[in-house]
Amino acid sequence: MIRLYGKKDCHLCDEARSMLSGISAEYLDISEDFSLLARYGLRIPVIARSDGAELDWPFDREELNRFLAQALHAPDQ
């Protein structure tokens, strides 16, 4: 599962969301959850993998692709 942490009216979040086009990802609006806001407020957008790894902005499409590919090559835990 891929998650994108962001919030409304965040142009960087919109840009990250467009980079994830074609990829199944859950969007979580941090402004709706105080604990998420405290954790991610200054870091958004943040892409998170199911293994717990996170990619903070700034990133480009190439970095995002490498980050996502690492999950495919990670040893089973």
C-alpha atoms as a PDB file:
ATOM      1  CA  MET A   1       0.000   0.000   0.000  1.00  0.00           C
ATOM      2  CA  ILE A   2       1.252   3.435  -0.957  1.00  0.00           C
ATOM      3  CA  ARG A   3       0.019   6.463   0.965  1.00  0.00           C
ATOM      4  CA  LEU A   4       0.309  10.131   0.160  1.00  0.00           C
ATOM      5  CA  TYR A   5       0.095  12.482   3.133  1.00  0.00           C
ATOM      6  CA  GLY A   6      -0.944  15.993   2.184  1.00  0.00           C
ATOM      7  CA  LYS A   7      -3.655  18.600   2.644  1.00  0.00           C
ATOM      8  CA  LYS A   8      -6.055  20.747   0.677  1.00  0.00           C
ATOM      9  CA  ASP A   9      -4.759  23.853  -1.057  1.00  0.00           C
ATOM     10  CA  CYS A  10      -1.208  22.462  -1.185  1.00  0.00           C
ATOM     11  CA  HIS A  11       0.191  22.829  -4.699  1.00  0.00           C
ATOM     12  CA  LEU A  12       3.152  20.572  -3.857  1.00  0.00           C
ATOM     13  CA  CYS A  13       0.711  17.882  -2.706  1.00  0.00           C
ATOM     14  CA  ASP A  14      -1.159  18.244  -5.993  1.00  0.00           C
ATOM     15  CA  GLU A  15       2.137  17.831  -7.850  1.00  0.00           C
ATOM     16  CA  ALA A  16       3.014  14.702  -5.862  1.00  0.00           C
ATOM     17  CA  ARG A  17      -0.466  13.327  -6.483  1.00  0.00           C
ATOM     18  CA  SER A  18      -0.034  13.780 -10.228  1.00  0.00           C
ATOM     19  CA  MET A  19       3.300  11.916 -10.049  1.00  0.00           C
ATOM     20  CA  LEU A  20       1.392   8.982  -8.551  1.00  0.00           C
ATOM     21  CA  SER A  21      -1.073   8.910 -11.442  1.00  0.00           C
ATOM     22  CA  GLY A  22      -1.606   5.318 -12.501  1.00  0.00           C
ATOM     23  CA  ILE A  23      -0.410   3.987  -9.142  1.00  0.00           C
ATOM     24  CA  SER A  24      -2.854   2.755  -6.542  1.00  0.00           C
ATOM     25  CA  ALA A  25      -2.326   5.116  -3.609  1.00  0.00           C
ATOM     26  CA  GLU A  26      -4.365   6.218  -0.616  1.00  0.00           C
ATOM     27  CA  TYR A  27      -4.551   9.987  -0.049  1.00  0.00           C
ATOM     28  CA  LEU A  28      -4.652  11.109   3.571  1.00  0.00           C
ATOM     29  CA  ASP A  29      -5.498  14.720   4.377  1.00  0.00           C
ATOM     30  CA  ILE A  30      -3.426  15.518   7.463  1.00  0.00           C
ATOM     31  CA  SER A  31      -5.598  18.509   8.352  1.00  0.00           C
ATOM     32  CA  GLU A  32      -8.352  16.084   9.387  1.00  0.00           C
ATOM     33  CA  ASP A  33      -6.235  14.318  12.037  1.00  0.00           C
ATOM     34  CA  PHE A  34      -4.261  16.155  14.739  1.00  0.00           C
ATOM     35  CA  SER A  35      -1.667  13.387  15.138  1.00  0.00           C
ATOM     36  CA  LEU A  36      -1.002  13.334  11.379  1.00  0.00           C
ATOM     37  CA  LEU A  37      -0.805  17.125  11.325  1.00  0.00           C
ATOM     38  CA  ALA A  38       1.758  17.065  14.151  1.00  0.00           C
ATOM     39  CA  ARG A  39       3.821  14.369  12.431  1.00  0.00           C
ATOM     40  CA  TYR A  40       3.686  15.566   8.806  1.00  0.00           C
ATOM     41  CA  GLY A  41       2.741  19.245   8.992  1.00  0.00           C
ATOM     42  CA  LEU A  42       6.107  20.650   7.904  1.00  0.00           C
ATOM     43  CA  ARG A  43       7.081  17.695   5.710  1.00  0.00           C
ATOM     44  CA  ILE A  44       4.222  17.341   3.220  1.00  0.00           C
ATOM     45  CA  PRO A  45       3.834  15.942   0.735  1.00  0.00           C
ATOM     46  CA  VAL A  46       5.120  12.620   2.057  1.00  0.00           C
ATOM     47  CA  ILE A  47       4.877   9.284   0.245  1.00  0.00           C
ATOM     48  CA  ALA A  48       4.837   6.237   2.533  1.00  0.00           C
ATOM     49  CA  ARG A  49       5.304   2.577   1.664  1.00  0.00           C
ATOM     50  CA  SER A  50       3.763  -0.328   3.565  1.00  0.00           C
ATOM     51  CA  ASP A  51       7.200  -1.238   4.952  1.00  0.00           C
ATOM     52  CA  GLY A  52       7.246   2.085   6.845  1.00  0.00           C
ATOM     53  CA  ALA A  53       9.730   3.888   4.587  1.00  0.00           C
ATOM     54  CA  GLU A  54       8.828   7.496   3.786  1.00  0.00           C
ATOM     55  CA  LEU A  55       9.874   9.891   1.059  1.00  0.00           C
ATOM     56  CA  ASP A  56       9.630  13.576   1.992  1.00  0.00           C
ATOM     57  CA  TRP A  57       9.345  16.478  -0.413  1.00  0.00           C
ATOM     58  CA  PRO A  58      11.288  17.590  -2.379  1.00  0.00           C
ATOM     59  CA  PHE A  59      11.442  14.661  -4.811  1.00  0.00           C
ATOM     60  CA  ASP A  60      11.122  14.283  -8.546  1.00  0.00           C
ATOM     61  CA  ARG A  61       9.579  11.499 -10.604  1.00  0.00           C
ATOM     62  CA  GLU A  62      12.908   9.637 -10.854  1.00  0.00           C
ATOM     63  CA  GLU A  63      13.400   9.649  -7.070  1.00  0.00           C
ATOM     64  CA  LEU A  64       9.801   8.560  -6.585  1.00  0.00           C
ATOM     65  CA  ASN A  65      10.231   5.673  -9.030  1.00  0.00           C
ATOM     66  CA  ARG A  66      13.401   4.521  -7.221  1.00  0.00           C
ATOM     67  CA  PHE A  67      11.609   4.741  -3.877  1.00  0.00           C
ATOM     68  CA  LEU A  68       8.683   2.677  -5.138  1.00  0.00           C
ATOM     69  CA  ALA A  69      10.972   0.137  -6.848  1.00  0.00           C
ATOM     70  CA  GLN A  70      12.880  -0.457  -3.594  1.00  0.00           C
ATOM     71  CA  ALA A  71       9.714  -1.945  -2.110  1.00  0.00           C
ATOM     72  CA  LEU A  72       9.630  -4.504  -4.909  1.00  0.00           C
ATOM     73  CA  HIS A  73      13.231  -5.576  -4.256  1.00  0.00           C
ATOM     74  CA  ALA A  74      13.141  -5.515  -0.464  1.00  0.00           C
ATOM     75  CA  PRO A  75      13.621  -8.899   1.241  1.00  0.00           C
ATOM     76  CA  ASP A  76      10.570 -10.362   2.947  1.00  0.00           C
ATOM     77  CA  GLN A  77      10.344  -9.396   6.578  1.00  0.00           C
END
